[in-house]
Amino acid sequence: MTVRELIRLRVREEVARRNARPDRRFTGLVQPASETGPDGDRPRGRRRVDWERQADIAERAFLSNGFFVLVGDRQVEDLDEVVDLTGDPEVVFIKLVPLVGG
């Protein structure tokens, strides 16, 4: 599986959970701008989120270092890199967030 496919799979699953329970807090890899409420991460209303659009945003975020992906004991750096998941390696997504106050 490529890193691109892995990211798209994760986003598709997150969005499916969000669309199934629109009243719950959305804590996905990427946050739909239309979903951000006054407290920063509460969903607004019951509008369905488009997983493909969110996956495209996630790919761009990966390319601009918005988050990192670790597979096993190494960081993957290319969307088209093939990762072997047959040995059940630990896959970690590390999302970077800006610090408040400088």
N, C-alpha and C. Protein backbone atom coordinates (compact mmCIF):
# COMPACT_ATOMS: atom_id res chain seq x y z
N MET A 1 0.86 -1.16 0.00
CA MET A 1 0.00 0.00 0.00
C MET A 1 0.91 1.23 0.00
N THR A 2 0.50 2.27 -0.73
CA THR A 2 1.30 3.49 -0.73
C THR A 2 0.89 4.38 0.46
N VAL A 3 1.73 5.32 0.77
CA VAL A 3 1.43 6.28 1.84
C VAL A 3 0.16 7.06 1.48
N ARG A 4 0.02 7.40 0.21
CA ARG A 4 -1.18 8.11 -0.26
C ARG A 4 -2.44 7.29 0.05
N GLU A 5 -2.41 6.00 -0.27
CA GLU A 5 -3.56 5.13 -0.01
C GLU A 5 -3.83 5.01 1.49
N LEU A 6 -2.78 4.95 2.27
CA LEU A 6 -2.92 4.86 3.72
C LEU A 6 -3.60 6.11 4.29
N ILE A 7 -3.15 7.27 3.84
CA ILE A 7 -3.74 8.54 4.30
C ILE A 7 -5.20 8.62 3.87
N ARG A 8 -5.48 8.29 2.61
CA ARG A 8 -6.86 8.37 2.11
C ARG A 8 -7.77 7.40 2.85
N LEU A 9 -7.26 6.21 3.17
CA LEU A 9 -8.05 5.25 3.93
C LEU A 9 -8.38 5.79 5.32
N ARG A 10 -7.38 6.36 5.98
CA ARG A 10 -7.64 6.91 7.32
C ARG A 10 -8.67 8.03 7.25
N VAL A 11 -8.51 8.95 6.31
CA VAL A 11 -9.45 10.07 6.20
C VAL A 11 -10.85 9.57 5.86
N ARG A 12 -10.96 8.61 4.97
CA ARG A 12 -12.28 8.07 4.61
C ARG A 12 -12.98 7.49 5.83
N GLU A 13 -12.24 6.76 6.66
CA GLU A 13 -12.83 6.17 7.86
C GLU A 13 -13.23 7.25 8.87
N GLU A 14 -12.38 8.25 9.06
CA GLU A 14 -12.71 9.34 9.99
C GLU A 14 -13.98 10.08 9.56
N VAL A 15 -14.06 10.36 8.26
CA VAL A 15 -15.22 11.09 7.75
C VAL A 15 -16.48 10.22 7.83
N ALA A 16 -16.35 8.93 7.58
CA ALA A 16 -17.51 8.03 7.69
C ALA A 16 -18.04 8.04 9.12
N ARG A 17 -17.13 7.99 10.12
CA ARG A 17 -17.56 8.05 11.52
C ARG A 17 -18.22 9.40 11.82
N ARG A 18 -17.67 10.48 11.29
CA ARG A 18 -18.24 11.81 11.53
C ARG A 18 -19.63 11.91 10.90
N ASN A 19 -19.76 11.42 9.67
CA ASN A 19 -21.04 11.51 8.99
C ASN A 19 -22.09 10.62 9.65
N ALA A 20 -21.68 9.52 10.27
CA ALA A 20 -22.61 8.64 10.98
C ALA A 20 -23.09 9.26 12.28
N ARG A 21 -22.25 10.08 12.92
CA ARG A 21 -22.59 10.74 14.19
C ARG A 21 -22.23 12.23 14.12
N PRO A 22 -23.00 13.02 13.38
CA PRO A 22 -22.63 14.43 13.16
C PRO A 22 -22.67 15.29 14.42
N ASP A 23 -23.27 14.80 15.48
CA ASP A 23 -23.37 15.59 16.70
C ASP A 23 -22.12 15.44 17.58
N ARG A 24 -21.24 14.53 17.24
CA ARG A 24 -20.04 14.29 18.05
C ARG A 24 -18.91 15.21 17.62
N ARG A 25 -17.97 15.39 18.51
CA ARG A 25 -16.78 16.19 18.25
C ARG A 25 -15.95 15.51 17.16
N PHE A 26 -15.50 16.29 16.19
CA PHE A 26 -14.71 15.76 15.09
C PHE A 26 -13.23 15.98 15.38
N THR A 27 -12.47 14.91 15.48
CA THR A 27 -11.05 15.01 15.78
C THR A 27 -10.27 14.23 14.73
N GLY A 28 -10.39 14.65 13.49
CA GLY A 28 -9.73 13.94 12.42
C GLY A 28 -8.35 14.46 12.10
N LEU A 29 -7.72 13.81 11.14
CA LEU A 29 -6.39 14.20 10.70
C LEU A 29 -6.42 15.61 10.14
N VAL A 30 -7.46 15.95 9.41
CA VAL A 30 -7.66 17.31 8.94
C VAL A 30 -9.03 17.77 9.40
N GLN A 31 -9.18 19.05 9.61
CA GLN A 31 -10.42 19.61 10.13
C GLN A 31 -11.12 20.41 9.03
N PRO A 32 -12.32 19.99 8.60
CA PRO A 32 -13.04 20.77 7.60
C PRO A 32 -13.30 22.18 8.11
N ALA A 33 -12.97 23.19 7.31
CA ALA A 33 -13.16 24.58 7.73
C ALA A 33 -14.61 24.86 8.08
N SER A 34 -15.53 24.27 7.34
CA SER A 34 -16.95 24.49 7.61
C SER A 34 -17.39 23.82 8.90
N GLU A 35 -16.55 23.00 9.47
CA GLU A 35 -16.89 22.27 10.68
C GLU A 35 -16.41 22.97 11.95
N THR A 36 -15.58 23.96 11.81
CA THR A 36 -14.99 24.58 12.99
C THR A 36 -16.01 25.50 13.66
N GLY A 37 -16.25 25.23 14.92
CA GLY A 37 -17.18 26.03 15.69
C GLY A 37 -16.44 26.99 16.60
N PRO A 38 -17.15 27.67 17.49
CA PRO A 38 -16.54 28.65 18.38
C PRO A 38 -15.44 28.08 19.27
N ASP A 39 -15.55 26.80 19.64
CA ASP A 39 -14.52 26.21 20.50
C ASP A 39 -13.43 25.53 19.69
N GLY A 40 -13.46 25.68 18.37
CA GLY A 40 -12.39 25.19 17.53
C GLY A 40 -12.58 23.83 16.91
N ASP A 41 -13.34 22.95 17.53
CA ASP A 41 -13.45 21.63 16.93
C ASP A 41 -14.82 20.97 17.08
N ARG A 42 -15.81 21.72 17.45
CA ARG A 42 -17.16 21.16 17.51
C ARG A 42 -17.80 21.26 16.12
N PRO A 43 -18.45 20.20 15.68
CA PRO A 43 -19.09 20.26 14.37
C PRO A 43 -20.29 21.19 14.38
N ARG A 44 -20.49 21.84 13.26
CA ARG A 44 -21.65 22.71 13.10
C ARG A 44 -22.70 21.97 12.29
N GLY A 45 -23.86 21.78 12.85
CA GLY A 45 -24.98 21.21 12.12
C GLY A 45 -24.77 19.78 11.68
N ARG A 46 -25.55 19.39 10.70
CA ARG A 46 -25.53 18.00 10.24
C ARG A 46 -25.04 17.88 8.81
N ARG A 47 -24.35 18.86 8.30
CA ARG A 47 -23.87 18.80 6.93
C ARG A 47 -22.84 17.68 6.77
N ARG A 48 -23.03 16.89 5.72
CA ARG A 48 -22.12 15.78 5.47
C ARG A 48 -20.77 16.30 4.99
N VAL A 49 -19.72 15.63 5.42
CA VAL A 49 -18.37 15.98 5.02
C VAL A 49 -17.98 15.07 3.86
N ASP A 50 -17.36 15.63 2.83
CA ASP A 50 -16.92 14.89 1.65
C ASP A 50 -15.53 14.31 1.91
N TRP A 51 -15.44 12.99 2.00
CA TRP A 51 -14.18 12.36 2.36
C TRP A 51 -13.11 12.59 1.29
N GLU A 52 -13.49 12.62 0.02
CA GLU A 52 -12.49 12.80 -1.03
C GLU A 52 -11.86 14.19 -0.96
N ARG A 53 -12.66 15.18 -0.69
CA ARG A 53 -12.14 16.54 -0.54
C ARG A 53 -11.19 16.60 0.66
N GLN A 54 -11.59 15.98 1.76
CA GLN A 54 -10.75 15.97 2.95
C GLN A 54 -9.46 15.18 2.72
N ALA A 55 -9.53 14.10 1.94
CA ALA A 55 -8.33 13.32 1.64
C ALA A 55 -7.36 14.14 0.79
N ASP A 56 -7.89 14.92 -0.16
CA ASP A 56 -7.02 15.80 -0.96
C ASP A 56 -6.33 16.83 -0.07
N ILE A 57 -7.08 17.38 0.88
CA ILE A 57 -6.51 18.35 1.82
C ILE A 57 -5.43 17.68 2.67
N ALA A 58 -5.68 16.45 3.10
CA ALA A 58 -4.71 15.71 3.92
C ALA A 58 -3.43 15.44 3.13
N GLU A 59 -3.56 15.10 1.86
CA GLU A 59 -2.38 14.88 1.02
C GLU A 59 -1.54 16.16 0.93
N ARG A 60 -2.21 17.28 0.71
CA ARG A 60 -1.47 18.56 0.64
C ARG A 60 -0.81 18.89 1.98
N ALA A 61 -1.51 18.59 3.07
CA ALA A 61 -0.94 18.84 4.40
C ALA A 61 0.30 17.98 4.62
N PHE A 62 0.26 16.73 4.19
CA PHE A 62 1.42 15.85 4.31
C PHE A 62 2.60 16.41 3.52
N LEU A 63 2.33 16.88 2.30
CA LEU A 63 3.40 17.42 1.46
C LEU A 63 4.00 18.70 2.01
N SER A 64 3.21 19.45 2.79
CA SER A 64 3.72 20.71 3.36
C SER A 64 4.10 20.54 4.84
N ASN A 65 4.33 19.30 5.26
CA ASN A 65 4.76 18.98 6.63
C ASN A 65 3.73 19.35 7.70
N GLY A 66 2.45 19.28 7.36
CA GLY A 66 1.39 19.50 8.34
C GLY A 66 1.27 18.34 9.30
N PHE A 67 1.71 17.18 8.86
CA PHE A 67 1.79 16.01 9.73
C PHE A 67 2.81 15.04 9.14
N PHE A 68 3.31 14.17 10.00
CA PHE A 68 4.27 13.15 9.60
C PHE A 68 3.64 11.78 9.77
N VAL A 69 4.16 10.82 9.03
CA VAL A 69 3.71 9.44 9.17
C VAL A 69 4.93 8.57 9.48
N LEU A 70 4.83 7.82 10.56
CA LEU A 70 5.86 6.87 10.93
C LEU A 70 5.31 5.47 10.73
N VAL A 71 6.06 4.64 10.05
CA VAL A 71 5.67 3.24 9.85
C VAL A 71 6.80 2.40 10.42
N GLY A 72 6.47 1.65 11.45
CA GLY A 72 7.50 0.89 12.15
C GLY A 72 8.44 1.86 12.83
N ASP A 73 9.70 1.79 12.49
CA ASP A 73 10.69 2.64 13.15
C ASP A 73 11.23 3.74 12.24
N ARG A 74 10.50 4.05 11.17
CA ARG A 74 11.00 5.09 10.26
C ARG A 74 9.90 6.03 9.77
N GLN A 75 10.33 7.22 9.42
CA GLN A 75 9.41 8.23 8.87
C GLN A 75 9.34 8.04 7.37
N VAL A 76 8.12 8.03 6.84
CA VAL A 76 7.95 7.97 5.38
C VAL A 76 7.78 9.40 4.88
N GLU A 77 8.33 9.68 3.70
CA GLU A 77 8.38 11.06 3.24
C GLU A 77 7.76 11.31 1.88
N ASP A 78 7.33 10.25 1.21
CA ASP A 78 6.80 10.39 -0.15
C ASP A 78 5.43 9.73 -0.22
N LEU A 79 4.46 10.43 -0.83
CA LEU A 79 3.11 9.88 -0.94
C LEU A 79 3.08 8.58 -1.74
N ASP A 80 3.99 8.42 -2.68
CA ASP A 80 3.98 7.24 -3.52
C ASP A 80 4.88 6.12 -3.00
N GLU A 81 5.47 6.32 -1.82
CA GLU A 81 6.31 5.29 -1.22
C GLU A 81 5.43 4.11 -0.79
N VAL A 82 5.86 2.92 -1.10
CA VAL A 82 5.12 1.72 -0.73
C VAL A 82 5.56 1.29 0.66
N VAL A 83 4.57 1.04 1.53
CA VAL A 83 4.87 0.56 2.88
C VAL A 83 4.30 -0.85 3.03
N ASP A 84 5.05 -1.68 3.70
CA ASP A 84 4.65 -3.07 3.92
C ASP A 84 3.95 -3.17 5.26
N LEU A 85 2.67 -3.47 5.24
CA LEU A 85 1.89 -3.57 6.46
C LEU A 85 1.64 -5.02 6.87
N THR A 86 2.26 -5.97 6.17
CA THR A 86 1.99 -7.37 6.45
C THR A 86 2.55 -7.82 7.80
N GLY A 87 3.63 -7.21 8.26
CA GLY A 87 4.20 -7.58 9.54
C GLY A 87 3.52 -6.87 10.70
N ASP A 88 2.40 -6.19 10.43
CA ASP A 88 1.64 -5.46 11.44
C ASP A 88 2.48 -4.40 12.16
N PRO A 89 3.18 -3.53 11.38
CA PRO A 89 3.99 -2.49 12.03
C PRO A 89 3.08 -1.42 12.64
N GLU A 90 3.60 -0.72 13.61
CA GLU A 90 2.86 0.38 14.20
C GLU A 90 2.89 1.54 13.21
N VAL A 91 1.72 2.12 12.93
CA VAL A 91 1.61 3.28 12.04
C VAL A 91 1.16 4.45 12.90
N VAL A 92 1.95 5.53 12.86
CA VAL A 92 1.67 6.69 13.70
C VAL A 92 1.57 7.93 12.82
N PHE A 93 0.51 8.70 13.03
CA PHE A 93 0.35 9.98 12.37
C PHE A 93 0.63 11.06 13.41
N ILE A 94 1.58 11.92 13.14
CA ILE A 94 1.92 13.00 14.07
C ILE A 94 1.52 14.31 13.43
N LYS A 95 0.48 14.91 13.98
CA LYS A 95 -0.06 16.16 13.45
C LYS A 95 0.62 17.33 14.16
N LEU A 96 1.13 18.26 13.38
CA LEU A 96 1.78 19.43 13.94
C LEU A 96 0.77 20.55 14.09
N VAL A 97 0.81 21.22 15.21
CA VAL A 97 -0.09 22.35 15.45
C VAL A 97 0.73 23.56 15.86
N PRO A 98 0.30 24.75 15.43
CA PRO A 98 1.07 25.95 15.81
C PRO A 98 0.93 26.24 17.31
N LEU A 99 2.01 26.74 17.86
CA LEU A 99 1.98 27.13 19.27
C LEU A 99 1.33 28.50 19.41
N VAL A 100 0.62 28.69 20.48
CA VAL A 100 -0.03 29.96 20.75
C VAL A 100 0.91 30.82 21.60
N GLY A 101 1.03 32.08 21.22
CA GLY A 101 1.82 33.00 22.04
C GLY A 101 3.27 33.13 21.63
N GLY A 102 3.64 32.57 20.50
CA GLY A 102 5.00 32.79 20.02
C GLY A 102 5.83 31.66 20.19
